[in-house]
Amino acid sequence: MTTSEDVDVTTTPQIYGASELGVLSVTAPGAAHPRVEYVGGELFVGLLEDGVVVTQGQIDDAARPFRDAVVDAVASDTSLPQPADGVILIEDDEAVAAGILIEPERIAAATLAGDPVVFALSRSAVAIVGADDEAGIGRVLDLAEALFDAGGALVSAHPIILIDGAWAPFRWKERFPALELRIERVLRLFSVRAYEAQSAALARPDVHLADPKIQVREDGVTLTFAAWPKGTATLLPVVDNVIIADPAGNVSVTTMGQFLDAAGDAVVRTGLSPLRYFVPGAAPR
């Protein structure tokens, strides 16, 4: 695109998940926050100009609708990779991936088993699969785990489905009950990565930032847990189980629901995204 000063600027789209935007609401609030166009589910598309994020402050002063700028920035090439075993994988081409999110009619020619479902797992790996393709969904779960194991930034494990030309959340656990354990595992893996990014942004000396960890039970069920040093001010993530360690060295385990019920009004639900609860106490030692 060209600015009003007639200086050439390269504008490219950038895909965001809700958890990343939640972290940025702390580190880059208000006018410094990225300006984004909502797509559906947990997904949004923003813009970069010469690699620099376009912010809410810049767009507030612009006369042109932001969506028009996003549409111009997505790839003009509407062709998609050919499906492999039922899965279309857009790799390392965020402009094409953003294009199908902003203009879903680009998927119309794709041969899929059912309505198109999109998994924006990371900015470099966006998968499209048919809503009736259980085997294809299984392959996407494999990809999601591989991306987590690789250690890079992730976007979202919550898929969206194209219905009547618009994106909506895809209720995949209900559609594929046989995959429920694997789906729950991937959702927990992605939540762990989101909390890790949040902890890095929130780090401060007067509060303990409890990070969730993964536990795989003997029956194959994947759970998350976090530790609360009793008496210590803590920002506690939403997990399956809370490990309570008191100053005397005693350790007990409770579910998150039981922990919140027992704490009552002493624990404060924050406005952070991903969600955390503030447990009052002394500064960490």
Protein backbone atom coordinates (compact mmCIF):
# COMPACT_ATOMS: atom_id res chain seq x y z
CA MET A 1 0.00 0.00 0.00
CA THR A 2 1.03 3.67 -0.21
CA THR A 3 0.81 6.17 2.64
CA SER A 4 -0.42 9.73 2.29
CA GLU A 5 3.21 10.79 2.04
CA ASP A 6 3.58 8.60 -1.05
CA VAL A 7 6.07 6.36 0.70
CA ASP A 8 5.79 2.67 -0.21
CA VAL A 9 4.85 0.55 2.78
CA THR A 10 4.57 -3.22 2.77
CA THR A 11 1.37 -4.25 4.57
CA THR A 12 0.88 -7.87 5.61
CA PRO A 13 -1.77 -9.63 7.69
CA GLN A 14 -1.11 -11.22 11.05
CA ILE A 15 -3.30 -13.86 12.74
CA TYR A 16 -4.01 -13.54 16.46
CA GLY A 17 -5.61 -15.81 19.02
CA ALA A 18 -7.62 -14.56 21.99
CA SER A 19 -4.96 -15.57 24.51
CA GLU A 20 -2.23 -13.54 22.79
CA LEU A 21 -4.50 -10.51 22.60
CA GLY A 22 -5.22 -10.97 26.29
CA VAL A 23 -1.50 -10.77 27.05
CA LEU A 24 -1.11 -7.75 24.76
CA SER A 25 -3.91 -5.98 26.62
CA VAL A 26 -1.44 -5.90 29.53
CA THR A 27 1.81 -5.23 27.69
CA ALA A 28 0.39 -2.96 24.95
CA PRO A 29 -2.90 -1.53 26.22
CA GLY A 30 -5.13 1.18 24.79
CA ALA A 31 -3.81 2.97 21.74
CA ALA A 32 -0.76 0.66 21.62
CA HIS A 33 -2.90 -2.47 21.31
CA PRO A 34 -3.03 -4.16 17.89
CA ARG A 35 -6.06 -3.24 15.82
CA VAL A 36 -7.74 -6.46 14.75
CA GLU A 37 -10.69 -7.69 12.73
CA TYR A 38 -12.70 -10.43 14.43
CA VAL A 39 -13.03 -13.62 12.40
CA GLY A 40 -14.82 -16.14 14.62
CA GLY A 41 -14.22 -18.35 17.62
CA GLU A 42 -10.93 -17.19 19.15
CA LEU A 43 -9.42 -15.85 15.92
CA PHE A 44 -8.65 -12.32 14.74
CA VAL A 45 -6.60 -10.78 11.93
CA GLY A 46 -4.48 -7.66 12.28
CA LEU A 47 -1.91 -5.90 10.13
CA LEU A 48 1.81 -5.23 10.01
CA GLU A 49 3.36 -2.30 8.15
CA ASP A 50 6.97 -3.06 7.24
CA GLY A 51 6.92 -5.66 10.03
CA VAL A 52 5.54 -3.27 12.67
CA VAL A 53 2.14 -3.91 14.26
CA VAL A 54 -0.66 -1.55 13.22
CA THR A 55 -2.18 -0.32 16.48
CA GLN A 56 -5.55 0.87 17.64
CA GLY A 57 -4.15 4.40 17.97
CA GLN A 58 -3.17 4.50 14.32
CA ILE A 59 -6.51 3.22 13.09
CA ASP A 60 -8.51 5.57 15.30
CA ASP A 61 -7.12 8.42 13.19
CA ALA A 62 -7.73 6.70 9.85
CA ALA A 63 -10.69 7.57 7.65
CA ARG A 64 -10.69 4.22 5.84
CA PRO A 65 -12.46 1.21 7.38
CA PHE A 66 -9.94 -1.19 8.89
CA ARG A 67 -11.53 -4.24 7.29
CA ASP A 68 -10.90 -2.74 3.83
CA ALA A 69 -7.20 -2.46 4.66
CA VAL A 70 -7.13 -6.07 5.86
CA VAL A 71 -8.84 -7.31 2.69
CA ASP A 72 -6.25 -5.47 0.59
CA ALA A 73 -3.41 -7.01 2.59
CA VAL A 74 -4.37 -10.67 2.27
CA ALA A 75 -2.82 -12.65 -0.53
CA SER A 76 -4.27 -11.98 -3.97
CA ASP A 77 -3.44 -15.58 -4.91
CA THR A 78 -6.55 -17.48 -3.87
CA SER A 79 -5.20 -20.97 -4.63
CA LEU A 80 -4.81 -23.40 -1.74
CA PRO A 81 -2.48 -26.38 -1.34
CA GLN A 82 -3.94 -29.71 -2.39
CA PRO A 83 -5.37 -31.84 0.44
CA ALA A 84 -3.14 -34.57 1.81
CA ASP A 85 -5.16 -37.37 3.39
CA GLY A 86 -8.10 -35.00 3.68
CA VAL A 87 -6.18 -32.11 5.27
CA ILE A 88 -5.24 -28.85 3.55
CA LEU A 89 -2.19 -27.48 5.36
CA ILE A 90 -1.14 -23.88 4.79
CA GLU A 91 2.47 -23.69 5.93
CA ASP A 92 4.58 -20.56 6.32
CA ASP A 93 2.13 -18.43 4.31
CA GLU A 94 0.21 -16.24 6.72
CA ALA A 95 -1.17 -14.08 3.93
CA VAL A 96 -2.94 -17.05 2.33
CA ALA A 97 -4.12 -18.31 5.73
CA ALA A 98 -5.49 -14.88 6.65
CA GLY A 99 -7.14 -14.71 3.24
CA ILE A 100 -9.36 -17.73 3.89
CA LEU A 101 -10.31 -16.35 7.32
CA ILE A 102 -11.28 -12.94 5.97
CA GLU A 103 -12.79 -14.20 2.71
CA PRO A 104 -13.99 -17.76 3.42
CA GLU A 105 -15.43 -18.11 -0.06
CA ARG A 106 -11.85 -18.87 -1.12
CA ILE A 107 -12.36 -22.38 0.28
CA ALA A 108 -15.41 -23.04 -1.92
CA ALA A 109 -13.50 -25.11 -4.47
CA ALA A 110 -11.78 -27.31 -1.89
CA THR A 111 -12.73 -30.98 -1.83
CA LEU A 112 -13.45 -31.83 1.79
CA ALA A 113 -15.58 -34.31 3.69
CA GLY A 114 -18.16 -31.92 5.08
CA ASP A 115 -18.22 -28.21 5.85
CA PRO A 116 -14.77 -26.57 6.06
CA VAL A 117 -13.22 -26.48 9.53
CA VAL A 118 -10.14 -24.33 10.17
CA PHE A 119 -7.51 -24.87 12.85
CA ALA A 120 -5.20 -21.85 13.18
CA LEU A 121 -2.72 -23.79 15.31
CA SER A 122 0.13 -21.35 14.72
CA ARG A 123 0.90 -18.55 12.31
CA SER A 124 2.95 -20.97 10.25
CA ALA A 125 0.52 -23.91 10.34
CA VAL A 126 -3.16 -23.45 9.51
CA ALA A 127 -5.11 -26.61 8.70
CA ILE A 128 -8.43 -27.03 6.89
CA VAL A 129 -10.38 -30.27 7.15
CA GLY A 130 -13.93 -31.44 6.51
CA ALA A 131 -16.32 -31.45 9.46
CA ASP A 132 -17.20 -35.10 8.82
CA ASP A 133 -13.61 -36.33 8.47
CA GLU A 134 -12.73 -38.00 11.77
CA ALA A 135 -9.44 -39.35 10.42
CA GLY A 136 -8.52 -35.88 9.16
CA ILE A 137 -9.28 -34.37 12.57
CA GLY A 138 -7.01 -37.02 14.07
CA ARG A 139 -4.18 -35.92 11.78
CA VAL A 140 -4.70 -32.31 12.85
CA LEU A 141 -4.41 -33.42 16.48
CA ASP A 142 -1.10 -35.08 15.62
CA LEU A 143 0.08 -31.81 14.07
CA ALA A 144 -1.03 -29.81 17.11
CA GLU A 145 0.97 -32.03 19.46
CA ALA A 146 4.03 -31.80 17.21
CA LEU A 147 3.81 -28.00 17.21
CA PHE A 148 3.57 -27.95 21.00
CA ASP A 149 6.58 -30.26 21.31
CA ALA A 150 8.56 -28.00 18.96
CA GLY A 151 8.26 -25.24 21.57
CA GLY A 152 7.18 -22.38 19.32
CA ALA A 153 4.38 -19.84 19.70
CA LEU A 154 0.87 -21.19 19.19
CA VAL A 155 -2.36 -19.44 18.22
CA SER A 156 -5.43 -21.52 19.06
CA ALA A 157 -6.59 -25.13 19.42
CA HIS A 158 -10.23 -24.09 19.09
CA PRO A 159 -11.45 -24.74 15.52
CA ILE A 160 -14.04 -22.77 13.57
CA ILE A 161 -16.49 -24.09 10.99
CA LEU A 162 -17.90 -22.34 7.93
CA ILE A 163 -21.71 -22.33 8.08
CA ASP A 164 -23.78 -20.30 5.62
CA GLY A 165 -20.77 -18.18 4.68
CA ALA A 166 -19.78 -17.25 8.25
CA TRP A 167 -17.33 -18.69 10.77
CA ALA A 168 -18.62 -20.22 14.01
CA PRO A 169 -17.05 -22.33 16.78
CA PHE A 170 -16.87 -26.02 15.84
CA ARG A 171 -18.12 -28.35 18.59
CA TRP A 172 -15.65 -31.09 17.76
CA LYS A 173 -15.85 -32.98 21.04
CA GLU A 174 -19.56 -33.51 20.51
CA ARG A 175 -19.04 -34.45 16.84
CA PHE A 176 -16.24 -36.95 17.52
CA PRO A 177 -16.66 -38.53 20.98
CA ALA A 178 -14.07 -41.20 20.14
CA LEU A 179 -11.45 -38.43 19.95
CA GLU A 180 -12.44 -36.72 23.20
CA LEU A 181 -9.36 -37.74 25.21
CA ARG A 182 -7.03 -36.56 22.45
CA ILE A 183 -8.96 -33.32 22.01
CA GLU A 184 -8.86 -32.60 25.74
CA ARG A 185 -5.12 -33.27 25.74
CA VAL A 186 -4.44 -30.80 22.92
CA LEU A 187 -6.64 -28.14 24.54
CA ARG A 188 -4.62 -28.50 27.73
CA LEU A 189 -1.29 -28.40 25.90
CA PHE A 190 -2.27 -25.17 24.20
CA SER A 191 -3.52 -23.66 27.45
CA VAL A 192 -0.16 -24.41 29.08
CA ARG A 193 1.67 -22.58 26.29
CA ALA A 194 -0.72 -19.61 26.57
CA TYR A 195 -0.13 -19.33 30.32
CA GLU A 196 3.63 -19.54 29.82
CA ALA A 197 3.47 -16.52 27.51
CA GLN A 198 1.27 -14.68 29.98
CA SER A 199 3.63 -15.37 32.89
CA ALA A 200 6.53 -13.86 30.98
CA ALA A 201 4.48 -10.71 30.42
CA LEU A 202 3.19 -10.42 34.00
CA ALA A 203 6.40 -11.24 35.89
CA ARG A 204 6.76 -9.16 39.06
CA PRO A 205 8.50 -9.70 42.43
CA ASP A 206 5.47 -9.27 44.73
CA VAL A 207 3.30 -12.11 43.39
CA HIS A 208 3.88 -15.74 42.51
CA LEU A 209 2.84 -16.60 38.94
CA ALA A 210 1.86 -20.25 39.06
CA ASP A 211 2.33 -21.95 35.70
CA PRO A 212 0.26 -25.01 34.79
CA LYS A 213 2.00 -28.32 34.23
CA ILE A 214 0.90 -31.42 32.37
CA GLN A 215 0.14 -34.73 34.05
CA VAL A 216 -0.77 -37.90 32.14
CA ARG A 217 -2.55 -40.43 34.31
CA GLU A 218 -2.08 -44.17 33.93
CA ASP A 219 -5.42 -44.40 32.11
CA GLY A 220 -4.14 -41.96 29.45
CA VAL A 221 -6.14 -38.93 30.61
CA THR A 222 -4.20 -35.65 30.37
CA LEU A 223 -4.68 -33.19 33.22
CA THR A 224 -3.17 -29.87 34.25
CA PHE A 225 -2.03 -28.84 37.70
CA ALA A 226 -0.46 -25.83 39.39
CA ALA A 227 1.16 -25.32 42.78
CA TRP A 228 0.06 -22.78 45.39
CA PRO A 229 2.58 -22.04 48.18
CA LYS A 230 0.08 -21.49 51.00
CA GLY A 231 0.22 -17.96 52.37
CA THR A 232 1.91 -16.57 49.24
CA ALA A 233 0.26 -14.02 46.95
CA THR A 234 -0.39 -15.98 43.78
CA LEU A 235 -1.95 -15.58 40.36
CA LEU A 236 -3.38 -19.03 39.84
CA PRO A 237 -4.25 -20.34 36.36
CA VAL A 238 -7.35 -22.39 35.62
CA VAL A 239 -6.23 -26.01 35.95
CA ASP A 240 -7.69 -29.39 36.81
CA ASN A 241 -5.90 -29.75 40.14
CA VAL A 242 -4.21 -27.44 42.63
CA ILE A 243 -1.27 -28.66 44.71
CA ILE A 244 -1.18 -26.88 48.07
CA ALA A 245 2.17 -26.71 49.85
CA ASP A 246 2.15 -25.19 53.35
CA PRO A 247 5.20 -23.70 55.14
CA ALA A 248 5.55 -26.83 57.27
CA GLY A 249 6.20 -28.92 54.18
CA ASN A 250 2.80 -30.59 54.02
CA VAL A 251 1.37 -31.13 50.55
CA SER A 252 -2.24 -31.74 49.56
CA VAL A 253 -4.12 -31.89 46.26
CA THR A 254 -7.58 -30.56 45.45
CA THR A 255 -9.53 -29.91 42.31
CA MET A 256 -9.76 -26.34 41.05
CA GLY A 257 -13.47 -26.26 41.80
CA GLN A 258 -12.95 -27.47 45.37
CA PHE A 259 -10.15 -24.95 45.89
CA LEU A 260 -12.33 -22.03 44.77
CA ASP A 261 -15.31 -23.21 46.82
CA ALA A 262 -13.17 -23.48 49.95
CA ALA A 263 -11.53 -20.08 49.40
CA GLY A 264 -14.83 -18.28 48.82
CA ASP A 265 -14.56 -14.50 48.56
CA ALA A 266 -10.90 -14.58 49.61
CA VAL A 267 -9.93 -15.45 46.04
CA VAL A 268 -10.53 -12.84 43.32
CA ARG A 269 -11.37 -13.67 39.72
CA THR A 270 -9.20 -11.34 37.60
CA GLY A 271 -9.92 -9.88 34.19
CA LEU A 272 -6.82 -11.47 32.73
CA SER A 273 -6.95 -13.57 29.59
CA PRO A 274 -6.12 -16.43 29.88
CA LEU A 275 -8.08 -16.32 33.12
CA ARG A 276 -6.29 -16.34 36.47
CA TYR A 277 -7.46 -16.07 40.06
CA PHE A 278 -5.64 -13.88 42.57
CA VAL A 279 -4.97 -15.57 45.89
CA PRO A 280 -3.92 -12.95 48.48
CA GLY A 281 -0.88 -13.46 50.67
CA ALA A 282 2.68 -12.37 51.35
CA ALA A 283 5.21 -11.64 48.64
CA PRO A 284 7.20 -14.69 47.44
CA ARG A 285 10.41 -15.34 49.31
